């Protein structure tokens, strides 16, 4: 896939991206890789992504995803009360920098159940 094609995904909302996956026009891993490329290109200026979950996201995208309405669409979590099992979170506080949840929060369970692929926080 060309960089131009990958950049086109940036102009699509989640519903349109999920539609491409549902029609078999694109694989979830392609959307995830495009999202990772955008994050790597833009985050040095924005400093918006504090936790990169790229390996997990790629593994998830290549596995059997739930048949939810957003199947295969990459998604970023806010690092505040969105517990993702085994992934450190600071909730924006130095006091919490070593906190690693032992379970997914209900929000994360629902997002994943809808087919979203978490690429970071």
N, C-alpha and C. Protein backbone atom coordinates (compact mmCIF):
# COMPACT_ATOMS: atom_id res chain seq x y z
N UNK A 1 0.84 -1.18 0.00
CA UNK A 1 0.00 0.00 0.00
C UNK A 1 0.89 1.24 0.00
N UNK A 2 0.55 2.22 -0.79
CA UNK A 2 1.34 3.44 -0.90
C UNK A 2 1.07 4.36 0.28
N UNK A 3 2.00 5.30 0.50
CA UNK A 3 1.80 6.29 1.56
C UNK A 3 0.57 7.13 1.28
N UNK A 4 0.31 7.42 0.00
CA UNK A 4 -0.88 8.20 -0.34
C UNK A 4 -2.14 7.48 0.09
N UNK A 5 -2.20 6.18 -0.16
CA UNK A 5 -3.38 5.41 0.23
C UNK A 5 -3.51 5.40 1.74
N UNK A 6 -2.40 5.27 2.44
CA UNK A 6 -2.44 5.27 3.90
C UNK A 6 -2.93 6.62 4.42
N UNK A 7 -2.47 7.71 3.81
CA UNK A 7 -2.90 9.04 4.25
C UNK A 7 -4.38 9.26 4.00
N UNK A 8 -4.95 8.57 3.01
CA UNK A 8 -6.38 8.71 2.76
C UNK A 8 -7.20 8.22 3.95
N UNK A 9 -6.69 7.23 4.67
CA UNK A 9 -7.41 6.73 5.84
C UNK A 9 -7.61 7.84 6.88
N UNK A 10 -6.67 8.77 6.95
CA UNK A 10 -6.74 9.85 7.93
C UNK A 10 -7.95 10.74 7.69
N UNK A 11 -8.42 10.78 6.46
CA UNK A 11 -9.58 11.61 6.12
C UNK A 11 -10.91 10.90 6.35
N UNK A 12 -10.85 9.62 6.72
CA UNK A 12 -12.06 8.83 6.93
C UNK A 12 -12.40 8.75 8.41
N UNK A 13 -13.68 8.88 8.73
CA UNK A 13 -14.07 8.68 10.12
C UNK A 13 -14.12 7.19 10.43
N UNK A 14 -14.40 6.86 11.69
CA UNK A 14 -14.38 5.46 12.13
C UNK A 14 -15.40 4.62 11.38
N UNK A 15 -16.56 5.18 11.10
CA UNK A 15 -17.60 4.44 10.39
C UNK A 15 -17.14 4.08 8.97
N UNK A 16 -16.51 5.02 8.30
CA UNK A 16 -16.02 4.77 6.94
C UNK A 16 -14.89 3.74 6.95
N UNK A 17 -14.00 3.84 7.93
CA UNK A 17 -12.92 2.85 8.02
C UNK A 17 -13.48 1.46 8.29
N UNK A 18 -14.43 1.36 9.20
CA UNK A 18 -15.06 0.07 9.50
C UNK A 18 -15.78 -0.47 8.27
N UNK A 19 -16.36 0.41 7.47
CA UNK A 19 -17.04 -0.01 6.25
C UNK A 19 -16.08 -0.63 5.25
N UNK A 20 -14.88 -0.06 5.15
CA UNK A 20 -13.86 -0.63 4.25
C UNK A 20 -13.47 -2.04 4.71
N UNK A 21 -13.34 -2.22 6.02
CA UNK A 21 -13.00 -3.55 6.55
C UNK A 21 -14.14 -4.52 6.29
N UNK A 22 -15.37 -4.08 6.55
CA UNK A 22 -16.53 -4.95 6.37
C UNK A 22 -16.69 -5.41 4.92
N UNK A 23 -16.35 -4.52 3.98
CA UNK A 23 -16.46 -4.86 2.56
C UNK A 23 -15.25 -5.64 2.05
N UNK A 24 -14.26 -5.82 2.90
CA UNK A 24 -13.06 -6.54 2.48
C UNK A 24 -12.12 -5.72 1.62
N UNK A 25 -12.31 -4.40 1.59
CA UNK A 25 -11.47 -3.54 0.77
C UNK A 25 -10.13 -3.22 1.44
N UNK A 26 -10.08 -3.42 2.74
CA UNK A 26 -8.86 -3.16 3.50
C UNK A 26 -8.85 -4.12 4.69
N UNK A 27 -7.67 -4.50 5.12
CA UNK A 27 -7.52 -5.36 6.29
C UNK A 27 -7.27 -4.49 7.52
N UNK A 28 -7.72 -4.92 8.70
CA UNK A 28 -7.47 -4.14 9.91
C UNK A 28 -6.00 -3.79 10.13
N UNK A 29 -5.09 -4.70 9.80
CA UNK A 29 -3.67 -4.43 9.99
C UNK A 29 -3.22 -3.23 9.15
N UNK A 30 -3.82 -3.02 7.98
CA UNK A 30 -3.46 -1.87 7.15
C UNK A 30 -3.87 -0.57 7.83
N UNK A 31 -5.05 -0.56 8.43
CA UNK A 31 -5.50 0.63 9.15
C UNK A 31 -4.61 0.91 10.35
N UNK A 32 -4.26 -0.15 11.07
CA UNK A 32 -3.41 0.00 12.26
C UNK A 32 -2.03 0.51 11.86
N UNK A 33 -1.44 -0.06 10.84
CA UNK A 33 -0.11 0.39 10.41
C UNK A 33 -0.15 1.84 9.93
N UNK A 34 -1.22 2.23 9.27
CA UNK A 34 -1.35 3.63 8.82
C UNK A 34 -1.48 4.56 10.03
N UNK A 35 -2.24 4.13 11.04
CA UNK A 35 -2.39 4.95 12.24
C UNK A 35 -1.06 5.09 12.96
N UNK A 36 -0.31 4.01 13.05
CA UNK A 36 1.00 4.06 13.70
C UNK A 36 1.93 5.01 12.95
N UNK A 37 1.92 4.96 11.65
CA UNK A 37 2.75 5.88 10.85
C UNK A 37 2.38 7.33 11.13
N UNK A 38 1.08 7.62 11.21
CA UNK A 38 0.63 9.00 11.50
C UNK A 38 1.07 9.42 12.90
N UNK A 39 0.91 8.52 13.86
CA UNK A 39 1.33 8.85 15.23
C UNK A 39 2.82 9.17 15.26
N UNK A 40 3.62 8.33 14.65
CA UNK A 40 5.07 8.53 14.65
C UNK A 40 5.45 9.83 13.94
N UNK A 41 4.71 10.19 12.92
CA UNK A 41 5.01 11.41 12.17
C UNK A 41 4.58 12.67 12.93
N UNK A 42 3.43 12.61 13.61
CA UNK A 42 2.86 13.80 14.23
C UNK A 42 3.14 13.96 15.72
N UNK A 43 3.33 12.85 16.42
CA UNK A 43 3.46 12.92 17.87
C UNK A 43 4.67 13.71 18.37
N UNK A 44 5.79 13.73 17.66
CA UNK A 44 6.90 14.55 18.17
C UNK A 44 6.51 16.03 18.34
N UNK A 45 5.62 16.52 17.50
CA UNK A 45 5.15 17.91 17.63
C UNK A 45 4.00 18.03 18.61
N UNK A 46 3.11 17.03 18.62
CA UNK A 46 1.89 17.12 19.43
C UNK A 46 2.07 16.62 20.86
N UNK A 47 2.93 15.63 21.03
CA UNK A 47 3.12 14.98 22.33
C UNK A 47 1.78 14.54 22.93
N UNK A 48 0.94 13.95 22.11
CA UNK A 48 -0.40 13.53 22.54
C UNK A 48 -0.44 12.07 22.96
N UNK A 49 0.43 11.24 22.42
CA UNK A 49 0.43 9.81 22.74
C UNK A 49 1.53 9.55 23.75
N UNK A 50 1.13 9.16 24.97
CA UNK A 50 2.09 8.95 26.04
C UNK A 50 2.48 7.48 26.20
N UNK A 51 1.65 6.58 25.69
CA UNK A 51 1.92 5.14 25.76
C UNK A 51 1.64 4.53 24.40
N UNK A 52 2.66 3.98 23.80
CA UNK A 52 2.50 3.32 22.50
C UNK A 52 2.24 1.84 22.73
N UNK A 53 1.20 1.32 22.09
CA UNK A 53 0.81 -0.08 22.24
C UNK A 53 0.84 -0.76 20.88
N UNK A 54 1.84 -0.45 20.09
CA UNK A 54 1.90 -0.88 18.70
C UNK A 54 1.94 -2.40 18.53
N UNK A 55 2.78 -3.07 19.29
CA UNK A 55 2.88 -4.53 19.13
C UNK A 55 1.56 -5.21 19.45
N UNK A 56 0.93 -4.79 20.54
CA UNK A 56 -0.37 -5.36 20.90
C UNK A 56 -1.40 -5.06 19.83
N UNK A 57 -1.37 -3.84 19.31
CA UNK A 57 -2.34 -3.45 18.28
C UNK A 57 -2.17 -4.28 17.02
N UNK A 58 -0.94 -4.48 16.60
CA UNK A 58 -0.69 -5.29 15.40
C UNK A 58 -1.14 -6.73 15.61
N UNK A 59 -0.83 -7.27 16.78
CA UNK A 59 -1.25 -8.64 17.09
C UNK A 59 -2.77 -8.75 17.09
N UNK A 60 -3.43 -7.77 17.69
CA UNK A 60 -4.90 -7.76 17.73
C UNK A 60 -5.47 -7.66 16.32
N UNK A 61 -4.91 -6.76 15.51
CA UNK A 61 -5.42 -6.54 14.15
C UNK A 61 -5.28 -7.78 13.28
N UNK A 62 -4.31 -8.62 13.58
CA UNK A 62 -4.10 -9.82 12.77
C UNK A 62 -4.83 -11.03 13.34
N UNK A 63 -5.50 -10.84 14.47
CA UNK A 63 -6.25 -11.95 15.08
C UNK A 63 -7.73 -11.84 14.70
N UNK A 64 -8.51 -12.74 15.21
CA UNK A 64 -9.96 -12.73 14.95
C UNK A 64 -10.59 -11.64 15.81
N UNK A 65 -11.01 -10.57 15.19
CA UNK A 65 -11.62 -9.45 15.90
C UNK A 65 -13.11 -9.68 16.10
N UNK A 66 -13.68 -9.08 17.15
CA UNK A 66 -15.13 -9.15 17.32
C UNK A 66 -15.83 -8.54 16.11
N UNK A 67 -16.99 -9.03 15.80
CA UNK A 67 -17.76 -8.52 14.66
C UNK A 67 -18.57 -7.28 15.05
N UNK A 68 -17.95 -6.37 15.79
CA UNK A 68 -18.63 -5.16 16.22
C UNK A 68 -18.70 -4.13 15.11
N UNK A 69 -19.40 -3.03 15.37
CA UNK A 69 -19.60 -2.00 14.34
C UNK A 69 -18.32 -1.27 13.93
N UNK A 70 -17.27 -1.35 14.75
CA UNK A 70 -16.02 -0.66 14.43
C UNK A 70 -14.86 -1.64 14.25
N UNK A 71 -15.18 -2.82 13.75
CA UNK A 71 -14.19 -3.89 13.59
C UNK A 71 -12.97 -3.40 12.80
N UNK A 72 -11.80 -3.46 13.45
CA UNK A 72 -10.54 -3.14 12.79
C UNK A 72 -10.11 -1.69 12.81
N UNK A 73 -10.91 -0.82 13.41
CA UNK A 73 -10.59 0.61 13.41
C UNK A 73 -9.62 0.93 14.55
N UNK A 74 -8.49 1.58 14.25
CA UNK A 74 -7.53 1.95 15.29
C UNK A 74 -8.11 3.04 16.19
N UNK A 75 -7.71 2.99 17.47
CA UNK A 75 -8.29 3.91 18.45
C UNK A 75 -7.26 4.23 19.52
N UNK A 76 -7.25 5.47 19.99
CA UNK A 76 -6.40 5.89 21.10
C UNK A 76 -7.25 6.09 22.34
N UNK A 77 -6.77 5.59 23.47
CA UNK A 77 -7.44 5.77 24.75
C UNK A 77 -6.91 7.02 25.44
N UNK A 78 -7.74 7.64 26.26
CA UNK A 78 -7.27 8.68 27.17
C UNK A 78 -6.65 7.96 28.36
N UNK A 79 -5.50 8.39 28.80
CA UNK A 79 -4.81 7.73 29.91
C UNK A 79 -5.39 8.17 31.25
N UNK A 80 -6.68 7.96 31.40
CA UNK A 80 -7.37 8.36 32.62
C UNK A 80 -8.55 7.43 32.83
N UNK A 81 -8.41 6.51 33.73
CA UNK A 81 -9.46 5.56 34.12
C UNK A 81 -9.87 4.58 33.03
N UNK A 82 -9.13 4.53 31.94
CA UNK A 82 -9.39 3.54 30.90
C UNK A 82 -8.35 2.43 31.08
N UNK A 83 -8.58 1.59 32.07
CA UNK A 83 -7.62 0.52 32.40
C UNK A 83 -7.52 -0.48 31.27
N UNK A 84 -6.30 -0.78 30.86
CA UNK A 84 -6.02 -1.82 29.87
C UNK A 84 -5.06 -2.77 30.57
N UNK A 85 -5.50 -3.98 30.77
CA UNK A 85 -4.73 -4.95 31.55
C UNK A 85 -3.27 -5.03 31.10
N UNK A 86 -2.37 -4.86 32.07
CA UNK A 86 -0.95 -5.02 31.81
C UNK A 86 -0.24 -3.82 31.21
N UNK A 87 -0.98 -2.76 30.89
CA UNK A 87 -0.38 -1.57 30.27
C UNK A 87 -0.30 -0.45 31.31
N UNK A 88 0.92 0.03 31.61
CA UNK A 88 1.07 1.09 32.61
C UNK A 88 0.25 2.32 32.26
N UNK A 89 -0.23 2.97 33.31
CA UNK A 89 -0.94 4.24 33.11
C UNK A 89 -0.60 5.17 34.26
N UNK A 90 -0.49 6.44 33.97
CA UNK A 90 -0.12 7.42 34.99
C UNK A 90 -1.28 8.34 35.35
N UNK A 91 -2.30 8.37 34.52
CA UNK A 91 -3.43 9.27 34.73
C UNK A 91 -2.96 10.72 34.87
N UNK A 92 -1.85 11.04 34.22
CA UNK A 92 -1.33 12.40 34.23
C UNK A 92 -0.68 12.80 35.54
N UNK A 93 -0.37 11.84 36.40
CA UNK A 93 0.17 12.14 37.72
C UNK A 93 1.45 11.36 37.96
N UNK A 94 2.46 12.03 38.47
CA UNK A 94 3.70 11.35 38.84
C UNK A 94 3.48 10.33 39.93
N UNK A 95 2.49 10.54 40.77
CA UNK A 95 2.19 9.59 41.85
C UNK A 95 1.70 8.25 41.31
N UNK A 96 1.12 8.26 40.13
CA UNK A 96 0.53 7.04 39.56
C UNK A 96 1.40 6.41 38.47
N UNK A 97 2.60 6.91 38.26
CA UNK A 97 3.41 6.48 37.12
C UNK A 97 3.74 4.99 37.10
N UNK A 98 3.69 4.33 38.25
CA UNK A 98 4.00 2.90 38.31
C UNK A 98 2.76 2.02 38.35
N UNK A 99 1.59 2.59 38.17
CA UNK A 99 0.35 1.81 38.25
C UNK A 99 0.15 0.99 36.97
N UNK A 100 -0.05 -0.31 37.16
CA UNK A 100 -0.33 -1.21 36.04
C UNK A 100 -1.60 -1.98 36.39
N UNK A 101 -2.70 -1.71 35.69
CA UNK A 101 -3.96 -2.39 36.01
C UNK A 101 -3.89 -3.89 35.74
N UNK A 102 -4.60 -4.64 36.58
CA UNK A 102 -4.64 -6.10 36.43
C UNK A 102 -5.89 -6.56 35.70
N UNK A 103 -6.63 -5.60 35.14
CA UNK A 103 -7.85 -5.93 34.40
C UNK A 103 -8.19 -4.79 33.45
N UNK A 104 -9.03 -5.07 32.48
CA UNK A 104 -9.57 -4.03 31.61
C UNK A 104 -10.74 -3.36 32.31
N UNK A 105 -10.86 -2.05 32.15
CA UNK A 105 -12.04 -1.35 32.66
C UNK A 105 -13.24 -1.72 31.78
N UNK A 106 -14.42 -1.44 32.28
CA UNK A 106 -15.64 -1.72 31.50
C UNK A 106 -15.61 -0.95 30.18
N UNK A 107 -15.13 0.28 30.22
CA UNK A 107 -15.03 1.07 29.00
C UNK A 107 -14.15 0.38 27.96
N UNK A 108 -12.99 -0.07 28.38
CA UNK A 108 -12.07 -0.74 27.45
C UNK A 108 -12.68 -2.04 26.94
N UNK A 109 -13.34 -2.80 27.80
CA UNK A 109 -14.01 -4.03 27.35
C UNK A 109 -15.03 -3.72 26.26
N UNK A 110 -15.79 -2.67 26.45
CA UNK A 110 -16.82 -2.31 25.46
C UNK A 110 -16.20 -1.80 24.15
N UNK A 111 -15.17 -1.00 24.26
CA UNK A 111 -14.50 -0.50 23.05
C UNK A 111 -13.92 -1.66 22.25
N UNK A 112 -13.26 -2.57 22.94
CA UNK A 112 -12.69 -3.73 22.26
C UNK A 112 -13.79 -4.63 21.69
N UNK A 113 -14.87 -4.76 22.43
CA UNK A 113 -16.00 -5.56 21.96
C UNK A 113 -16.65 -4.99 20.71
N UNK A 114 -16.53 -3.68 20.54
CA UNK A 114 -17.06 -3.03 19.34
C UNK A 114 -16.13 -3.22 18.15
N UNK A 115 -14.97 -3.84 18.40
CA UNK A 115 -14.04 -4.12 17.32
C UNK A 115 -12.89 -3.14 17.18
N UNK A 116 -12.86 -2.12 18.04
CA UNK A 116 -11.78 -1.14 17.96
C UNK A 116 -10.45 -1.78 18.35
N UNK A 117 -9.38 -1.32 17.73
CA UNK A 117 -8.03 -1.81 18.01
C UNK A 117 -7.27 -0.68 18.70
N UNK A 118 -6.94 -0.88 19.97
CA UNK A 118 -6.27 0.16 20.75
C UNK A 118 -4.79 0.21 20.35
N UNK A 119 -4.34 1.38 19.87
CA UNK A 119 -2.95 1.53 19.43
C UNK A 119 -2.10 2.31 20.44
N UNK A 120 -2.74 2.93 21.41
CA UNK A 120 -1.99 3.69 22.41
C UNK A 120 -2.90 4.51 23.27
N UNK A 121 -2.23 5.31 24.11
CA UNK A 121 -2.95 6.22 25.02
C UNK A 121 -2.35 7.61 24.89
